[in-house]
Amino acid sequence: MLIIDDDGSEVVRQSQCPHCQRLFCAQCKVAWHAEMECWEFQELNDDERGREDIQLRNLANMEDWKRCPNCKFYVEKKTGCNFMKCRCRATFCYRCGQSLSLPKNQRHYCSYCTG
């Protein structure tokens, strides 16, 4: 067991294990999550915290991909309006991610972000 002495003078986030030399987050008590704040890491589900999952999330952020609020599948919008219909048949606003119902008048409008 590794004990980190907290004298209160500064917040220790990144630390190195003296046994295996791997970096870990002293705040989250997990392997180091580079390029991600602790609060972002804590919001991830347990099955999204792997290194490859975090790399995919970083790529999705760079490419401005969005996730379906229903099935969490990443989607990319090339052109058109922000009204999206996922392969799971869920509809949502690409800009804000809010779930939307299929409009009867076919005007794809999001009242949450006015887009």
Protein backbone atom coordinates (compact mmCIF):
# COMPACT_ATOMS: atom_id res chain seq x y z
CA MET A 1 0.00 0.00 0.00
CA LEU A 2 1.33 3.40 -0.99
CA ILE A 3 0.67 6.34 1.32
CA ILE A 4 0.96 9.87 -0.01
CA ASP A 5 1.80 12.45 2.62
CA ASP A 6 -0.57 15.41 2.26
CA ASP A 7 0.85 18.47 3.96
CA GLY A 8 -1.84 20.68 2.39
CA SER A 9 0.60 22.93 0.55
CA GLU A 10 -0.31 21.69 -2.94
CA VAL A 11 -2.64 19.30 -4.73
CA VAL A 12 -0.80 16.19 -5.86
CA ARG A 13 -2.33 14.67 -8.97
CA GLN A 14 0.31 12.78 -10.90
CA SER A 15 2.55 10.44 -8.98
CA GLN A 16 4.77 7.47 -9.71
CA CYS A 17 4.59 4.08 -8.06
CA PRO A 18 7.93 3.36 -6.35
CA HIS A 19 7.61 -0.35 -7.16
CA CYS A 20 6.53 -0.52 -10.82
CA GLN A 21 7.40 3.07 -11.83
CA ARG A 22 4.01 3.56 -13.51
CA LEU A 23 2.22 6.87 -13.26
CA PHE A 24 -1.07 7.09 -11.42
CA CYS A 25 -3.54 9.78 -10.37
CA ALA A 26 -3.28 10.44 -6.66
CA GLN A 27 -6.74 12.05 -6.65
CA CYS A 28 -8.66 9.27 -8.46
CA LYS A 29 -6.37 6.45 -7.26
CA VAL A 30 -6.19 4.88 -10.73
CA ALA A 31 -3.70 4.69 -13.59
CA TRP A 32 -2.77 8.14 -14.89
CA HIS A 33 -5.41 9.66 -17.16
CA ALA A 34 -3.41 12.04 -19.34
CA GLU A 35 -5.15 14.90 -21.15
CA MET A 36 -8.20 14.52 -18.93
CA GLU A 37 -9.17 16.30 -15.75
CA CYS A 38 -10.18 14.21 -12.73
CA TRP A 39 -13.81 15.33 -12.93
CA GLU A 40 -13.96 14.20 -16.58
CA PHE A 41 -12.50 10.81 -15.67
CA GLN A 42 -14.94 10.39 -12.79
CA GLU A 43 -17.88 10.98 -15.17
CA LEU A 44 -16.85 8.00 -17.34
CA ASN A 45 -18.50 4.64 -16.84
CA ASP A 46 -16.27 1.83 -15.57
CA ASP A 47 -16.21 0.26 -19.05
CA GLU A 48 -14.98 3.56 -20.60
CA ARG A 49 -11.88 4.06 -18.47
CA GLY A 50 -9.44 1.90 -20.42
CA ARG A 51 -6.52 3.46 -22.27
CA GLU A 52 -8.02 2.72 -25.69
CA ASP A 53 -11.40 4.09 -24.60
CA ILE A 54 -9.79 7.34 -23.50
CA GLN A 55 -7.85 7.56 -26.77
CA LEU A 56 -11.10 7.12 -28.71
CA ARG A 57 -12.76 9.79 -26.57
CA ASN A 58 -9.88 12.22 -27.24
CA LEU A 59 -10.10 11.53 -30.99
CA ALA A 60 -13.86 12.05 -30.90
CA ASN A 61 -13.36 15.39 -29.16
CA MET A 62 -10.77 16.47 -31.74
CA GLU A 63 -13.02 15.47 -34.65
CA ASP A 64 -16.16 16.89 -32.97
CA TRP A 65 -17.96 13.54 -33.06
CA LYS A 66 -21.02 13.24 -30.86
CA ARG A 67 -22.49 10.29 -28.97
CA CYS A 68 -26.03 9.05 -29.22
CA PRO A 69 -27.68 9.66 -25.83
CA ASN A 70 -29.39 6.27 -26.09
CA CYS A 71 -26.76 3.74 -27.23
CA LYS A 72 -23.60 5.89 -26.80
CA PHE A 73 -22.43 5.10 -30.37
CA TYR A 74 -20.27 7.87 -31.88
CA VAL A 75 -21.70 9.67 -34.91
CA GLU A 76 -20.22 12.26 -37.24
CA LYS A 77 -22.14 14.94 -39.07
CA LYS A 78 -20.68 16.03 -42.39
CA THR A 79 -23.47 18.28 -43.67
CA GLY A 80 -27.08 19.13 -42.99
CA CYS A 81 -29.05 20.09 -39.94
CA ASN A 82 -28.35 19.12 -36.34
CA PHE A 83 -31.29 16.69 -36.10
CA MET A 84 -29.74 13.21 -35.97
CA LYS A 85 -31.25 9.75 -36.18
CA CYS A 86 -28.91 7.07 -34.85
CA ARG A 87 -28.69 3.47 -36.02
CA CYS A 88 -30.56 2.54 -32.80
CA ARG A 89 -33.40 4.77 -34.08
CA ALA A 90 -32.97 7.36 -31.31
CA THR A 91 -33.19 10.98 -32.43
CA PHE A 92 -31.14 13.77 -30.90
CA CYS A 93 -29.64 17.21 -31.51
CA TYR A 94 -26.07 16.98 -32.80
CA ARG A 95 -25.15 20.35 -31.30
CA CYS A 96 -26.30 19.86 -27.69
CA GLY A 97 -26.88 16.07 -27.51
CA GLN A 98 -30.42 16.38 -26.16
CA SER A 99 -32.83 13.56 -27.05
CA LEU A 100 -35.53 14.76 -29.42
CA SER A 101 -38.79 13.34 -30.65
CA LEU A 102 -39.28 12.92 -34.37
CA PRO A 103 -41.00 16.09 -35.56
CA LYS A 104 -44.36 15.71 -37.26
CA ASN A 105 -43.79 18.73 -39.46
CA GLN A 106 -40.28 17.52 -40.47
CA ARG A 107 -38.79 20.83 -39.29
CA HIS A 108 -35.74 19.68 -37.46
CA TYR A 109 -35.55 22.19 -34.64
CA CYS A 110 -34.05 21.82 -31.18
CA SER A 111 -35.80 23.93 -28.55
CA TYR A 112 -33.00 23.21 -26.05
CA CYS A 113 -30.23 24.96 -27.94
CA THR A 114 -32.37 26.80 -30.55
CA GLY A 115 -30.49 25.18 -33.40
